[in-house]
PDB file of N, CA and C in Angstrom:
ATOM      1  N   MET A   1      69.342 -57.250 -93.610  1.00  0.00           N
ATOM      2  CA  MET A   1      68.068 -57.802 -94.026  1.00  0.00           C
ATOM      3  C   MET A   1      66.976 -56.786 -93.733  1.00  0.00           C
ATOM      4  N   GLU A   2      65.984 -56.736 -94.607  1.00  0.00           N
ATOM      5  CA  GLU A   2      64.849 -55.846 -94.375  1.00  0.00           C
ATOM      6  C   GLU A   2      63.548 -56.569 -94.660  1.00  0.00           C
ATOM      7  N   ILE A   3      62.488 -56.069 -94.025  1.00  0.00           N
ATOM      8  CA  ILE A   3      61.148 -56.620 -94.210  1.00  0.00           C
ATOM      9  C   ILE A   3      60.237 -55.483 -94.645  1.00  0.00           C
ATOM     10  N   LYS A   4      59.392 -55.759 -95.639  1.00  0.00           N
ATOM     11  CA  LYS A   4      58.404 -54.791 -96.102  1.00  0.00           C
ATOM     12  C   LYS A   4      57.045 -55.209 -95.567  1.00  0.00           C
ATOM     13  N   LEU A   5      56.329 -54.254 -94.978  1.00  0.00           N
ATOM     14  CA  LEU A   5      55.047 -54.526 -94.336  1.00  0.00           C
ATOM     15  C   LEU A   5      53.965 -53.627 -94.906  1.00  0.00           C
ATOM     16  N   VAL A   6      52.732 -54.087 -94.837  1.00  0.00           N
ATOM     17  CA  VAL A   6      51.568 -53.319 -95.262  1.00  0.00           C
ATOM     18  C   VAL A   6      50.842 -52.845 -94.011  1.00  0.00           C
ATOM     19  N   LEU A   7      50.417 -51.590 -94.020  1.00  0.00           N
ATOM     20  CA  LEU A   7      49.705 -51.006 -92.890  1.00  0.00           C
ATOM     21  C   LEU A   7      48.244 -50.812 -93.254  1.00  0.00           C
ATOM     22  N   ASN A   8      47.357 -51.195 -92.367  1.00  0.00           N
ATOM     23  CA  ASN A   8      45.922 -51.017 -92.594  1.00  0.00           C
ATOM     24  C   ASN A   8      45.343 -50.286 -91.386  1.00  0.00           C
ATOM     25  N   GLY A   9      44.668 -49.174 -91.643  1.00  0.00           N
ATOM     26  CA  GLY A   9      44.040 -48.426 -90.568  1.00  0.00           C
ATOM     27  C   GLY A   9      44.890 -47.295 -90.019  1.00  0.00           C
ATOM     28  N   LEU A  10      45.957 -46.943 -90.715  1.00  0.00           N
ATOM     29  CA  LEU A  10      46.798 -45.817 -90.298  1.00  0.00           C
ATOM     30  C   LEU A  10      46.054 -44.534 -90.652  1.00  0.00           C
ATOM     31  N   ASP A  11      45.776 -43.702 -89.644  1.00  0.00           N
ATOM     32  CA  ASP A  11      44.852 -42.578 -89.806  1.00  0.00           C
ATOM     33  C   ASP A  11      45.453 -41.286 -90.342  1.00  0.00           C
ATOM     34  N   CYS A  12      46.695 -41.003 -89.978  1.00  0.00           N
ATOM     35  CA  CYS A  12      47.228 -39.699 -90.382  1.00  0.00           C
ATOM     36  C   CYS A  12      48.749 -39.747 -90.516  1.00  0.00           C
ATOM     37  N   ALA A  13      49.294 -38.739 -91.190  1.00  0.00           N
ATOM     38  CA  ALA A  13      50.732 -38.665 -91.410  1.00  0.00           C
ATOM     39  C   ALA A  13      51.484 -38.502 -90.092  1.00  0.00           C
ATOM     40  N   ASN A  14      50.897 -37.787 -89.138  1.00  0.00           N
ATOM     41  CA  ASN A  14      51.545 -37.615 -87.840  1.00  0.00           C
ATOM     42  C   ASN A  14      51.715 -38.967 -87.139  1.00  0.00           C
ATOM     43  N   CYS A  15      50.690 -39.797 -87.195  1.00  0.00           N
ATOM     44  CA  CYS A  15      50.783 -41.140 -86.602  1.00  0.00           C
ATOM     45  C   CYS A  15      51.836 -41.976 -87.337  1.00  0.00           C
ATOM     46  N   ALA A  16      51.924 -41.817 -88.646  1.00  0.00           N
ATOM     47  CA  ALA A  16      52.936 -42.537 -89.421  1.00  0.00           C
ATOM     48  C   ALA A  16      54.335 -42.141 -88.955  1.00  0.00           C
ATOM     49  N   ASN A  17      54.546 -40.849 -88.713  1.00  0.00           N
ATOM     50  CA  ASN A  17      55.848 -40.382 -88.218  1.00  0.00           C
ATOM     51  C   ASN A  17      56.153 -40.957 -86.840  1.00  0.00           C
ATOM     52  N   LYS A  18      55.147 -41.015 -85.988  1.00  0.00           N
ATOM     53  CA  LYS A  18      55.336 -41.572 -84.648  1.00  0.00           C
ATOM     54  C   LYS A  18      55.640 -43.071 -84.708  1.00  0.00           C
ATOM     55  N   MET A  19      54.958 -43.774 -85.618  1.00  0.00           N
ATOM     56  CA  MET A  19      55.227 -45.206 -85.777  1.00  0.00           C
ATOM     57  C   MET A  19      56.643 -45.428 -86.297  1.00  0.00           C
ATOM     58  N   GLU A  20      57.069 -44.594 -87.235  1.00  0.00           N
ATOM     59  CA  GLU A  20      58.422 -44.698 -87.768  1.00  0.00           C
ATOM     60  C   GLU A  20      59.444 -44.498 -86.651  1.00  0.00           C
ATOM     61  N   ASP A  21      59.228 -43.495 -85.808  1.00  0.00           N
ATOM     62  CA  ASP A  21      60.142 -43.250 -84.686  1.00  0.00           C
ATOM     63  C   ASP A  21      60.140 -44.422 -83.710  1.00  0.00           C
ATOM     64  N   ALA A  22      58.957 -44.981 -83.437  1.00  0.00           N
ATOM     65  CA  ALA A  22      58.859 -46.123 -82.517  1.00  0.00           C
ATOM     66  C   ALA A  22      59.632 -47.318 -83.066  1.00  0.00           C
ATOM     67  N   ALA A  23      59.522 -47.556 -84.364  1.00  0.00           N
ATOM     68  CA  ALA A  23      60.234 -48.674 -84.979  1.00  0.00           C
ATOM     69  C   ALA A  23      61.743 -48.424 -84.962  1.00  0.00           C
ATOM     70  N   LYS A  24      62.149 -47.198 -85.302  1.00  0.00           N
ATOM     71  CA  LYS A  24      63.580 -46.861 -85.341  1.00  0.00           C
ATOM     72  C   LYS A  24      64.228 -46.983 -83.966  1.00  0.00           C
ATOM     73  N   ASN A  25      63.460 -46.714 -82.916  1.00  0.00           N
ATOM     74  CA  ASN A  25      63.993 -46.747 -81.559  1.00  0.00           C
ATOM     75  C   ASN A  25      63.917 -48.122 -80.917  1.00  0.00           C
ATOM     76  N   THR A  26      63.542 -49.136 -81.687  1.00  0.00           N
ATOM     77  CA  THR A  26      63.490 -50.507 -81.191  1.00  0.00           C
ATOM     78  C   THR A  26      64.878 -51.133 -81.303  1.00  0.00           C
ATOM     79  N   ALA A  27      65.301 -51.796 -80.231  1.00  0.00           N
ATOM     80  CA  ALA A  27      66.605 -52.457 -80.235  1.00  0.00           C
ATOM     81  C   ALA A  27      66.669 -53.474 -81.366  1.00  0.00           C
ATOM     82  N   GLY A  28      67.763 -53.461 -82.119  1.00  0.00           N
ATOM     83  CA  GLY A  28      67.957 -54.390 -83.223  1.00  0.00           C
ATOM     84  C   GLY A  28      67.552 -53.847 -84.572  1.00  0.00           C
ATOM     85  N   VAL A  29      66.935 -52.651 -84.590  1.00  0.00           N
ATOM     86  CA  VAL A  29      66.516 -52.027 -85.848  1.00  0.00           C
ATOM     87  C   VAL A  29      67.592 -51.043 -86.294  1.00  0.00           C
ATOM     88  N   LYS A  30      68.078 -51.231 -87.511  1.00  0.00           N
ATOM     89  CA  LYS A  30      69.069 -50.318 -88.088  1.00  0.00           C
ATOM     90  C   LYS A  30      68.380 -49.074 -88.637  1.00  0.00           C
ATOM     91  N   ASP A  31      67.245 -49.280 -89.341  1.00  0.00           N
ATOM     92  CA  ASP A  31      66.489 -48.167 -89.912  1.00  0.00           C
ATOM     93  C   ASP A  31      65.057 -48.620 -90.159  1.00  0.00           C
ATOM     94  N   ALA A  32      64.155 -47.658 -90.172  1.00  0.00           N
ATOM     95  CA  ALA A  32      62.751 -47.943 -90.471  1.00  0.00           C
ATOM     96  C   ALA A  32      62.159 -46.751 -91.196  1.00  0.00           C
ATOM     97  N   THR A  33      61.283 -47.043 -92.135  1.00  0.00           N
ATOM     98  CA  THR A  33      60.609 -45.998 -92.907  1.00  0.00           C
ATOM     99  C   THR A  33      59.132 -46.341 -92.999  1.00  0.00           C
ATOM    100  N   VAL A  34      58.288 -45.347 -92.725  1.00  0.00           N
ATOM    101  CA  VAL A  34      56.848 -45.515 -92.900  1.00  0.00           C
ATOM    102  C   VAL A  34      56.406 -44.532 -93.965  1.00  0.00           C
ATOM    103  N   ASN A  35      55.716 -45.035 -94.993  1.00  0.00           N
ATOM    104  CA  ASN A  35      55.172 -44.204 -96.060  1.00  0.00           C
ATOM    105  C   ASN A  35      53.661 -44.155 -95.869  1.00  0.00           C
ATOM    106  N   PHE A  36      53.167 -43.011 -95.382  1.00  0.00           N
ATOM    107  CA  PHE A  36      51.734 -42.869 -95.103  1.00  0.00           C
ATOM    108  C   PHE A  36      50.886 -43.006 -96.365  1.00  0.00           C
ATOM    109  N   MET A  37      51.312 -42.389 -97.455  1.00  0.00           N
ATOM    110  CA  MET A  37      50.518 -42.421 -98.691  1.00  0.00           C
ATOM    111  C   MET A  37      50.410 -43.836 -99.257  1.00  0.00           C
ATOM    112  N   ALA A  38      51.476 -44.608 -99.172  1.00  0.00           N
ATOM    113  CA  ALA A  38      51.476 -45.977 -99.702  1.00  0.00           C
ATOM    114  C   ALA A  38      51.017 -46.994 -98.654  1.00  0.00           C
ATOM    115  N   LEU A  39      50.902 -46.558 -97.392  1.00  0.00           N
ATOM    116  CA  LEU A  39      50.549 -47.441 -96.270  1.00  0.00           C
ATOM    117  C   LEU A  39      51.498 -48.630 -96.181  1.00  0.00           C
ATOM    118  N   LYS A  40      52.795 -48.314 -96.208  1.00  0.00           N
ATOM    119  CA  LYS A  40      53.832 -49.347 -96.135  1.00  0.00           C
ATOM    120  C   LYS A  40      54.897 -48.960 -95.124  1.00  0.00           C
ATOM    121  N   MET A  41      55.513 -49.987 -94.551  1.00  0.00           N
ATOM    122  CA  MET A  41      56.634 -49.800 -93.634  1.00  0.00           C
ATOM    123  C   MET A  41      57.763 -50.723 -94.074  1.00  0.00           C
ATOM    124  N   ILE A  42      58.983 -50.201 -94.041  1.00  0.00           N
ATOM    125  CA  ILE A  42      60.171 -51.011 -94.311  1.00  0.00           C
ATOM    126  C   ILE A  42      61.033 -50.964 -93.049  1.00  0.00           C
ATOM    127  N   VAL A  43      61.386 -52.137 -92.557  1.00  0.00           N
ATOM    128  CA  VAL A  43      62.229 -52.240 -91.370  1.00  0.00           C
ATOM    129  C   VAL A  43      63.519 -52.955 -91.763  1.00  0.00           C
ATOM    130  N   GLU A  44      64.648 -52.314 -91.478  1.00  0.00           N
ATOM    131  CA  GLU A  44      65.963 -52.904 -91.744  1.00  0.00           C
ATOM    132  C   GLU A  44      66.604 -53.248 -90.402  1.00  0.00           C
ATOM    133  N   PHE A  45      67.147 -54.456 -90.311  1.00  0.00           N
ATOM    134  CA  PHE A  45      67.675 -54.955 -89.050  1.00  0.00           C
ATOM    135  C   PHE A  45      69.186 -54.789 -88.974  1.00  0.00           C
ATOM    136  N   GLU A  46      69.681 -54.630 -87.741  1.00  0.00           N
ATOM    137  CA  GLU A  46      71.119 -54.593 -87.511  1.00  0.00           C
ATOM    138  C   GLU A  46      71.701 -55.975 -87.758  1.00  0.00           C
ATOM    139  N   GLU A  47      72.944 -56.005 -88.163  1.00  0.00           N
ATOM    140  CA  GLU A  47      73.653 -57.258 -88.439  1.00  0.00           C
ATOM    141  C   GLU A  47      73.611 -58.171 -87.214  1.00  0.00           C
ATOM    142  N   GLY A  48      73.310 -59.454 -87.443  1.00  0.00           N
ATOM    143  CA  GLY A  48      73.328 -60.449 -86.378  1.00  0.00           C
ATOM    144  C   GLY A  48      72.063 -60.518 -85.536  1.00  0.00           C
ATOM    145  N   GLN A  49      71.068 -59.705 -85.851  1.00  0.00           N
ATOM    146  CA  GLN A  49      69.830 -59.712 -85.085  1.00  0.00           C
ATOM    147  C   GLN A  49      68.852 -60.751 -85.641  1.00  0.00           C
ATOM    148  N   ASP A  50      68.010 -61.282 -84.764  1.00  0.00           N
ATOM    149  CA  ASP A  50      66.966 -62.221 -85.166  1.00  0.00           C
ATOM    150  C   ASP A  50      65.740 -61.416 -85.596  1.00  0.00           C
ATOM    151  N   PRO A  51      65.440 -61.380 -86.894  1.00  0.00           N
ATOM    152  CA  PRO A  51      64.331 -60.550 -87.380  1.00  0.00           C
ATOM    153  C   PRO A  51      62.986 -60.862 -86.708  1.00  0.00           C
ATOM    154  N   LYS A  52      62.701 -62.139 -86.438  1.00  0.00           N
ATOM    155  CA  LYS A  52      61.422 -62.486 -85.802  1.00  0.00           C
ATOM    156  C   LYS A  52      61.310 -61.854 -84.418  1.00  0.00           C
ATOM    157  N   ALA A  53      62.361 -61.963 -83.637  1.00  0.00           N
ATOM    158  CA  ALA A  53      62.346 -61.418 -82.282  1.00  0.00           C
ATOM    159  C   ALA A  53      62.247 -59.896 -82.306  1.00  0.00           C
ATOM    160  N   VAL A  54      63.018 -59.274 -83.179  1.00  0.00           N
ATOM    161  CA  VAL A  54      63.006 -57.814 -83.271  1.00  0.00           C
ATOM    162  C   VAL A  54      61.641 -57.334 -83.751  1.00  0.00           C
ATOM    163  N   MET A  55      61.047 -58.024 -84.720  1.00  0.00           N
ATOM    164  CA  MET A  55      59.735 -57.614 -85.242  1.00  0.00           C
ATOM    165  C   MET A  55      58.655 -57.678 -84.177  1.00  0.00           C
ATOM    166  N   GLN A  56      58.729 -58.623 -83.257  1.00  0.00           N
ATOM    167  CA  GLN A  56      57.756 -58.668 -82.162  1.00  0.00           C
ATOM    168  C   GLN A  56      57.819 -57.374 -81.357  1.00  0.00           C
ATOM    169  N   ASP A  57      59.036 -56.890 -81.100  1.00  0.00           N
ATOM    170  CA  ASP A  57      59.199 -55.639 -80.360  1.00  0.00           C
ATOM    171  C   ASP A  57      58.754 -54.439 -81.191  1.00  0.00           C
ATOM    172  N   VAL A  58      59.053 -54.456 -82.491  1.00  0.00           N
ATOM    173  CA  VAL A  58      58.619 -53.366 -83.377  1.00  0.00           C
ATOM    174  C   VAL A  58      57.092 -53.278 -83.370  1.00  0.00           C
ATOM    175  N   LEU A  59      56.423 -54.416 -83.535  1.00  0.00           N
ATOM    176  CA  LEU A  59      54.963 -54.422 -83.563  1.00  0.00           C
ATOM    177  C   LEU A  59      54.388 -53.925 -82.246  1.00  0.00           C
ATOM    178  N   LYS A  60      54.970 -54.358 -81.144  1.00  0.00           N
ATOM    179  CA  LYS A  60      54.502 -53.930 -79.822  1.00  0.00           C
ATOM    180  C   LYS A  60      54.664 -52.415 -79.661  1.00  0.00           C
ATOM    181  N   ASN A  61      55.807 -51.890 -80.078  1.00  0.00           N
ATOM    182  CA  ASN A  61      56.051 -50.454 -79.969  1.00  0.00           C
ATOM    183  C   ASN A  61      55.139 -49.646 -80.884  1.00  0.00           C
ATOM    184  N   CYS A  62      54.874 -50.148 -82.078  1.00  0.00           N
ATOM    185  CA  CYS A  62      53.988 -49.447 -83.010  1.00  0.00           C
ATOM    186  C   CYS A  62      52.549 -49.462 -82.518  1.00  0.00           C
ATOM    187  N   LYS A  63      52.139 -50.537 -81.883  1.00  0.00           N
ATOM    188  CA  LYS A  63      50.772 -50.622 -81.339  1.00  0.00           C
ATOM    189  C   LYS A  63      50.551 -49.598 -80.225  1.00  0.00           C
ATOM    190  N   LYS A  64      51.624 -49.216 -79.524  1.00  0.00           N
ATOM    191  CA  LYS A  64      51.507 -48.189 -78.493  1.00  0.00           C
ATOM    192  C   LYS A  64      51.150 -46.842 -79.099  1.00  0.00           C
ATOM    193  N   VAL A  65      51.585 -46.617 -80.335  1.00  0.00           N
ATOM    194  CA  VAL A  65      51.329 -45.360 -81.041  1.00  0.00           C
ATOM    195  C   VAL A  65      49.956 -45.371 -81.693  1.00  0.00           C
ATOM    196  N   GLU A  66      49.660 -46.434 -82.408  1.00  0.00           N
ATOM    197  CA  GLU A  66      48.417 -46.535 -83.198  1.00  0.00           C
ATOM    198  C   GLU A  66      47.842 -47.939 -82.970  1.00  0.00           C
ATOM    199  N   ASP A  67      47.079 -48.082 -81.889  1.00  0.00           N
ATOM    200  CA  ASP A  67      46.640 -49.424 -81.479  1.00  0.00           C
ATOM    201  C   ASP A  67      45.632 -50.091 -82.408  1.00  0.00           C
ATOM    202  N   ASP A  68      44.955 -49.302 -83.248  1.00  0.00           N
ATOM    203  CA  ASP A  68      43.980 -49.915 -84.155  1.00  0.00           C
ATOM    204  C   ASP A  68      44.535 -50.152 -85.563  1.00  0.00           C
ATOM    205  N   CYS A  69      45.810 -49.888 -85.757  1.00  0.00           N
ATOM    206  CA  CYS A  69      46.459 -50.124 -87.045  1.00  0.00           C
ATOM    207  C   CYS A  69      46.905 -51.587 -87.129  1.00  0.00           C
ATOM    208  N   GLU A  70      46.577 -52.244 -88.217  1.00  0.00           N
ATOM    209  CA  GLU A  70      47.007 -53.621 -88.454  1.00  0.00           C
ATOM    210  C   GLU A  70      48.252 -53.598 -89.330  1.00  0.00           C
ATOM    211  N   ILE A  71      49.217 -54.440 -88.989  1.00  0.00           N
ATOM    212  CA  ILE A  71      50.484 -54.512 -89.718  1.00  0.00           C
ATOM    213  C   ILE A  71      50.664 -55.914 -90.257  1.00  0.00           C
ATOM    214  N   TYR A  72      50.803 -56.040 -91.595  1.00  0.00           N
ATOM    215  CA  TYR A  72      50.882 -57.323 -92.264  1.00  0.00           C
ATOM    216  C   TYR A  72      52.188 -57.446 -93.051  1.00  0.00           C
ATOM    217  N   LEU A  73      52.632 -58.708 -93.222  1.00  0.00           N
ATOM    218  CA  LEU A  73      53.771 -58.975 -94.102  1.00  0.00           C
ATOM    219  C   LEU A  73      53.329 -58.882 -95.544  1.00  0.00           C
TER     220      LEU A  73
END
């Protein structure tokens, strides 16, 4: 399963790369992609994971990188 998200307030491509790494390194995430130009993130979950629970951790980890970026479904 994957979720597509919209990013608002992402300042630079370097921050997008850091957010992508933060999401990828979250337990329960199989893969994550951040597209700076489109301001979108796609998160794919590992089999058997609860997407809601994993997304809470993804959002928390991404906020550590770019705290003023808003992430929407």
